């Protein structure tokens, strides 16, 4: 009986380990995807801010 219980526990732990490994892979993929999205957002914000500054200087130079 003790051997059967130990084997059952080992099987359950192996199954849990497989689930945790899969979750770690999914989380790593999600982090990578989020990082690339934030990098694109950061680049867009810098471009937008630069465009606003250029537009301000052009408007000031034109005397508007």
C-alpha atoms as a PDB file:
ATOM      1  CA  UNK A   1       0.000   0.000   0.000  1.00  0.00           C
ATOM      2  CA  UNK A   2       2.804   2.424   0.859  1.00  0.00           C
ATOM      3  CA  UNK A   3       4.563   1.671  -2.434  1.00  0.00           C
ATOM      4  CA  UNK A   4       1.344   2.339  -4.357  1.00  0.00           C
ATOM      5  CA  UNK A   5       0.807   5.616  -2.521  1.00  0.00           C
ATOM      6  CA  UNK A   6       4.401   6.681  -3.167  1.00  0.00           C
ATOM      7  CA  UNK A   7       4.050   5.896  -6.877  1.00  0.00           C
ATOM      8  CA  UNK A   8       0.766   7.810  -7.032  1.00  0.00           C
ATOM      9  CA  UNK A   9       2.399  10.821  -5.364  1.00  0.00           C
ATOM     10  CA  UNK A  10       5.355  10.625  -7.748  1.00  0.00           C
ATOM     11  CA  UNK A  11       3.003  10.567 -10.732  1.00  0.00           C
ATOM     12  CA  UNK A  12       1.111  13.572  -9.401  1.00  0.00           C
ATOM     13  CA  UNK A  13       4.337  15.489  -8.785  1.00  0.00           C
ATOM     14  CA  UNK A  14       5.581  14.686 -12.305  1.00  0.00           C
ATOM     15  CA  UNK A  15       2.315  15.938 -13.790  1.00  0.00           C
ATOM     16  CA  UNK A  16       2.523  19.119 -11.729  1.00  0.00           C
ATOM     17  CA  UNK A  17       6.129  19.638 -12.789  1.00  0.00           C
ATOM     18  CA  UNK A  18       5.125  19.387 -16.455  1.00  0.00           C
ATOM     19  CA  UNK A  19       2.367  21.971 -15.940  1.00  0.00           C
ATOM     20  CA  UNK A  20       4.742  24.352 -14.176  1.00  0.00           C
ATOM     21  CA  UNK A  21       7.326  24.000 -16.951  1.00  0.00           C
ATOM     22  CA  UNK A  22       4.671  24.787 -19.568  1.00  0.00           C
ATOM     23  CA  UNK A  23       3.506  27.795 -17.556  1.00  0.00           C
ATOM     24  CA  UNK A  24       7.065  29.108 -17.312  1.00  0.00           C
ATOM     25  CA  UNK A  25       7.440  28.876 -21.092  1.00  0.00           C
ATOM     26  CA  UNK A  26       4.128  30.671 -21.661  1.00  0.00           C
ATOM     27  CA  UNK A  27       5.065  33.427 -19.198  1.00  0.00           C
ATOM     28  CA  UNK A  28       8.450  33.886 -20.885  1.00  0.00           C
ATOM     29  CA  UNK A  29       6.716  34.192 -24.277  1.00  0.00           C
ATOM     30  CA  UNK A  30       4.239  36.689 -22.859  1.00  0.00           C
ATOM     31  CA  UNK A  31       7.030  38.780 -21.336  1.00  0.00           C
ATOM     32  CA  UNK A  32       8.846  38.827 -24.683  1.00  0.00           C
ATOM     33  CA  UNK A  33       5.685  39.877 -26.506  1.00  0.00           C
ATOM     34  CA  UNK A  34       4.948  42.628 -23.981  1.00  0.00           C
ATOM     35  CA  UNK A  35       8.515  43.926 -24.144  1.00  0.00           C
ATOM     36  CA  UNK A  36       8.361  44.248 -27.923  1.00  0.00           C
ATOM     37  CA  UNK A  37       4.998  46.038 -27.635  1.00  0.00           C
ATOM     38  CA  UNK A  38       6.348  48.496 -25.072  1.00  0.00           C
ATOM     39  CA  UNK A  39       9.440  49.092 -27.217  1.00  0.00           C
ATOM     40  CA  UNK A  40       7.202  49.997 -30.181  1.00  0.00           C
ATOM     41  CA  UNK A  41       5.098  52.275 -27.957  1.00  0.00           C
ATOM     42  CA  UNK A  42       8.221  53.983 -26.615  1.00  0.00           C
ATOM     43  CA  UNK A  43       9.515  54.574 -30.153  1.00  0.00           C
ATOM     44  CA  UNK A  44       6.131  55.986 -31.230  1.00  0.00           C
ATOM     45  CA  UNK A  45       6.011  58.343 -28.245  1.00  0.00           C
ATOM     46  CA  UNK A  46       9.495  59.659 -29.029  1.00  0.00           C
ATOM     47  CA  UNK A  47       8.579  60.192 -32.692  1.00  0.00           C
ATOM     48  CA  UNK A  48       5.349  61.956 -31.754  1.00  0.00           C
ATOM     49  CA  UNK A  49       7.123  64.194 -29.236  1.00  0.00           C
ATOM     50  CA  UNK A  50       9.825  65.024 -31.762  1.00  0.00           C
ATOM     51  CA  UNK A  51       7.191  65.874 -34.356  1.00  0.00           C
ATOM     52  CA  UNK A  52       5.422  68.165 -31.899  1.00  0.00           C
ATOM     53  CA  UNK A  53       8.667  69.996 -31.121  1.00  0.00           C
ATOM     54  CA  UNK A  54       9.446  70.419 -34.818  1.00  0.00           C
ATOM     55  CA  UNK A  55       5.892  71.675 -35.450  1.00  0.00           C
ATOM     56  CA  UNK A  56       6.262  74.172 -32.596  1.00  0.00           C
ATOM     57  CA  UNK A  57       9.528  75.529 -34.015  1.00  0.00           C
ATOM     58  CA  UNK A  58       8.052  75.776 -37.505  1.00  0.00           C
ATOM     59  CA  UNK A  59       5.012  77.606 -36.162  1.00  0.00           C
ATOM     60  CA  UNK A  60       7.213  80.005 -34.170  1.00  0.00           C
ATOM     61  CA  UNK A  61       9.474  80.601 -37.177  1.00  0.00           C
ATOM     62  CA  UNK A  62       6.469  81.310 -39.409  1.00  0.00           C
ATOM     63  CA  UNK A  63       5.189  83.823 -36.866  1.00  0.00           C
ATOM     64  CA  UNK A  64       1.853  82.125 -36.288  1.00  0.00           C
END
